[in-house]
Amino acid sequence: MEINLTNYQTSWVDKYKEECEILNEILGNEVIKFEHFGSTAVEGMKAKPVVDMMVIVKDIEKIDLYNKKFESLGYDVAGEWGIEGRRLLRKGGNRRTHHIHIYEYTNKEIKRHLLVRDYLRINTEEAQKYSEMKASLAEKYNNTYDYSKGKRGYVSELEQRAITYFEGI
């Protein structure tokens, strides 16, 4: 996919909320909580206009029982997609609108994602630096693979700064 960064849009929050309603109808009592994370969840950040959201569930194994339903509604069911214990859904085909990460409530990935989101919401200078770095990479690379690979080291360091920040509170 081609990289298309845009300025923050308040409509991303609405798209997140709308998707929560749809997923809640599908998964019902399996859902514990929904979370909006990633750059579309941080006011002022540049982002690909793809809403990253998390569905925290009671039992990740039960989620596979919904795959046919997801597919019938146009979701791309990608399985773990490189993160053990996650189920990834993509919505929108080539004009992707959502990445839906489903985790069992005990998965350690949940905390990592939310700490970075909360850190960027608090630290506007850090969010600005991250936006600028992403814009620079988007100019350099025209596909998501190289773009994602290019920001991997920065994101790892950002995660560590977020963890250190919240440990100090």
Protein backbone atom coordinates (compact mmCIF):
# COMPACT_ATOMS: atom_id res chain seq x y z
CA MET A 1 0.00 0.00 0.00
CA GLU A 2 1.05 3.55 -0.73
CA ILE A 3 1.85 5.90 2.16
CA ASN A 4 -0.63 8.75 2.54
CA LEU A 5 -0.06 10.79 5.71
CA THR A 6 -2.62 13.41 6.63
CA ASN A 7 -3.03 15.92 9.41
CA TYR A 8 -5.08 14.88 12.44
CA GLN A 9 -8.82 14.63 11.75
CA THR A 10 -11.49 14.65 14.43
CA SER A 11 -13.50 12.27 12.23
CA TRP A 12 -11.08 9.49 13.23
CA VAL A 13 -12.66 9.43 16.69
CA ASP A 14 -16.11 9.06 15.11
CA LYS A 15 -14.88 6.24 12.86
CA TYR A 16 -13.46 4.50 15.92
CA LYS A 17 -16.75 4.82 17.83
CA GLU A 18 -18.79 3.58 14.86
CA GLU A 19 -16.56 0.54 14.50
CA CYS A 20 -16.89 -0.19 18.23
CA GLU A 21 -20.66 -0.43 17.78
CA ILE A 22 -20.32 -2.82 14.83
CA LEU A 23 -17.80 -5.05 16.60
CA ASN A 24 -19.81 -5.05 19.80
CA GLU A 25 -22.82 -6.34 17.83
CA ILE A 26 -20.70 -9.14 16.39
CA LEU A 27 -18.72 -10.16 19.48
CA GLY A 28 -21.18 -9.26 22.23
CA ASN A 29 -20.23 -10.67 25.63
CA GLU A 30 -16.71 -11.60 24.48
CA VAL A 31 -15.74 -7.90 24.61
CA ILE A 32 -14.26 -6.43 27.77
CA LYS A 33 -13.17 -3.08 26.38
CA PHE A 34 -12.34 -1.10 23.24
CA GLU A 35 -9.32 1.20 22.88
CA HIS A 36 -8.35 3.67 20.15
CA PHE A 37 -4.56 3.78 19.78
CA GLY A 38 -1.86 4.66 17.30
CA SER A 39 -1.39 8.05 15.65
CA THR A 40 -5.08 8.53 14.81
CA ALA A 41 -5.74 8.51 18.57
CA VAL A 42 -3.33 11.40 19.29
CA GLU A 43 -4.66 14.86 18.56
CA GLY A 44 -2.30 16.87 16.39
CA MET A 45 -0.34 13.94 14.94
CA LYS A 46 0.06 13.18 11.28
CA ALA A 47 -1.14 9.70 10.44
CA LYS A 48 -2.13 7.34 7.71
CA PRO A 49 -5.92 7.68 7.72
CA VAL A 50 -6.33 4.14 9.07
CA VAL A 51 -7.87 3.91 12.52
CA ASP A 52 -5.96 1.55 14.81
CA MET A 53 -8.20 0.09 17.43
CA MET A 54 -7.98 -2.62 20.01
CA VAL A 55 -10.64 -5.00 21.17
CA ILE A 56 -9.82 -6.57 24.52
CA VAL A 57 -11.65 -9.86 24.92
CA LYS A 58 -12.13 -12.61 27.49
CA ASP A 59 -10.87 -15.55 25.38
CA ILE A 60 -8.85 -15.03 22.19
CA GLU A 61 -9.50 -18.60 21.01
CA LYS A 62 -13.22 -17.91 20.76
CA ILE A 63 -12.59 -15.03 18.34
CA ASP A 64 -11.63 -17.45 15.56
CA LEU A 65 -15.23 -18.72 15.64
CA TYR A 66 -16.29 -15.33 14.20
CA ASN A 67 -13.97 -15.38 11.16
CA LYS A 68 -16.67 -16.30 8.64
CA LYS A 69 -18.91 -13.54 9.99
CA PHE A 70 -16.06 -11.01 9.75
CA GLU A 71 -15.29 -12.07 6.19
CA SER A 72 -18.95 -11.86 5.17
CA LEU A 73 -18.94 -8.25 6.36
CA GLY A 74 -15.84 -7.37 4.32
CA TYR A 75 -13.10 -7.71 6.91
CA ASP A 76 -9.76 -9.23 5.93
CA VAL A 77 -8.98 -11.79 8.63
CA ALA A 78 -5.18 -11.84 8.98
CA GLY A 79 -4.76 -14.07 12.05
CA GLU A 80 -1.90 -13.31 14.43
CA TRP A 81 0.07 -11.42 11.73
CA GLY A 82 3.37 -11.62 13.59
CA ILE A 83 2.19 -10.99 17.15
CA GLU A 84 1.46 -14.08 19.21
CA GLY A 85 -1.99 -14.08 20.75
CA ARG A 86 -3.36 -11.30 18.55
CA ARG A 87 -6.06 -11.50 15.92
CA LEU A 88 -5.80 -8.79 13.27
CA LEU A 89 -8.68 -7.63 11.11
CA ARG A 90 -8.28 -5.14 8.29
CA LYS A 91 -11.20 -3.23 6.88
CA GLY A 92 -11.54 -1.36 3.62
CA GLY A 93 -9.45 -3.43 1.19
CA ASN A 94 -7.01 -1.26 -0.78
CA ARG A 95 -8.66 1.86 0.69
CA ARG A 96 -8.12 0.60 4.20
CA THR A 97 -10.02 2.38 6.97
CA HIS A 98 -9.31 0.29 10.09
CA HIS A 99 -6.78 -2.05 11.63
CA ILE A 100 -8.48 -3.96 14.41
CA HIS A 101 -6.19 -5.67 16.89
CA ILE A 102 -7.97 -8.19 19.10
CA TYR A 103 -6.18 -9.31 22.28
CA GLU A 104 -7.10 -11.44 25.24
CA TYR A 105 -7.11 -9.26 28.35
CA THR A 106 -3.88 -10.89 29.66
CA ASN A 107 -1.77 -10.09 26.57
CA LYS A 108 1.31 -7.94 27.33
CA GLU A 109 1.00 -6.09 23.99
CA ILE A 110 -2.00 -4.16 25.30
CA LYS A 111 0.03 -2.20 27.83
CA ARG A 112 2.76 -1.35 25.32
CA HIS A 113 0.31 0.14 22.83
CA LEU A 114 -1.59 2.13 25.44
CA LEU A 115 1.51 3.50 27.17
CA VAL A 116 2.80 4.92 23.89
CA ARG A 117 -0.59 6.45 23.07
CA ASP A 118 -0.91 8.03 26.50
CA TYR A 119 2.69 9.27 26.46
CA LEU A 120 2.17 10.98 23.09
CA ARG A 121 -1.08 12.54 24.28
CA ILE A 122 0.73 14.06 27.28
CA ASN A 123 4.01 14.96 25.58
CA THR A 124 3.12 17.16 22.61
CA GLU A 125 6.79 17.81 21.77
CA GLU A 126 7.40 14.07 21.43
CA ALA A 127 4.26 13.73 19.30
CA GLN A 128 5.50 16.53 17.04
CA LYS A 129 8.93 14.89 16.64
CA TYR A 130 7.29 11.59 15.79
CA SER A 131 5.01 13.29 13.24
CA GLU A 132 8.00 14.96 11.60
CA MET A 133 9.93 11.70 11.45
CA LYS A 134 6.94 9.94 9.87
CA ALA A 135 6.53 12.72 7.30
CA SER A 136 10.21 12.43 6.39
CA LEU A 137 9.89 8.67 5.93
CA ALA A 138 6.71 9.10 3.85
CA GLU A 139 8.65 11.37 1.47
CA LYS A 140 11.48 8.83 1.25
CA TYR A 141 9.41 5.65 0.84
CA ASN A 142 6.30 5.08 -1.21
CA ASN A 143 5.12 1.81 0.35
CA THR A 144 4.07 0.72 3.82
CA TYR A 145 6.66 -2.04 4.08
CA ASP A 146 9.70 0.26 3.77
CA TYR A 147 7.98 3.03 5.74
CA SER A 148 7.19 0.68 8.64
CA LYS A 149 10.69 -0.78 8.56
CA GLY A 150 12.15 2.74 8.57
CA LYS A 151 10.35 3.79 11.72
CA ARG A 152 10.84 0.55 13.67
CA GLY A 153 13.94 1.69 15.60
CA TYR A 154 12.41 5.05 16.48
CA VAL A 155 9.22 3.38 17.70
CA SER A 156 11.20 0.98 19.91
CA GLU A 157 12.99 3.93 21.50
CA LEU A 158 9.68 5.78 21.86
CA GLU A 159 8.20 2.77 23.65
CA GLN A 160 11.11 2.78 26.09
CA ARG A 161 10.68 6.51 26.78
CA ALA A 162 6.97 5.94 27.42
CA ILE A 163 7.64 3.05 29.81
CA THR A 164 10.29 5.04 31.67
CA TYR A 165 7.98 8.05 31.90
CA PHE A 166 5.09 6.10 33.41
CA GLU A 167 7.35 4.13 35.77
CA GLY A 168 8.46 7.48 37.21
CA ILE A 169 4.94 8.61 38.06
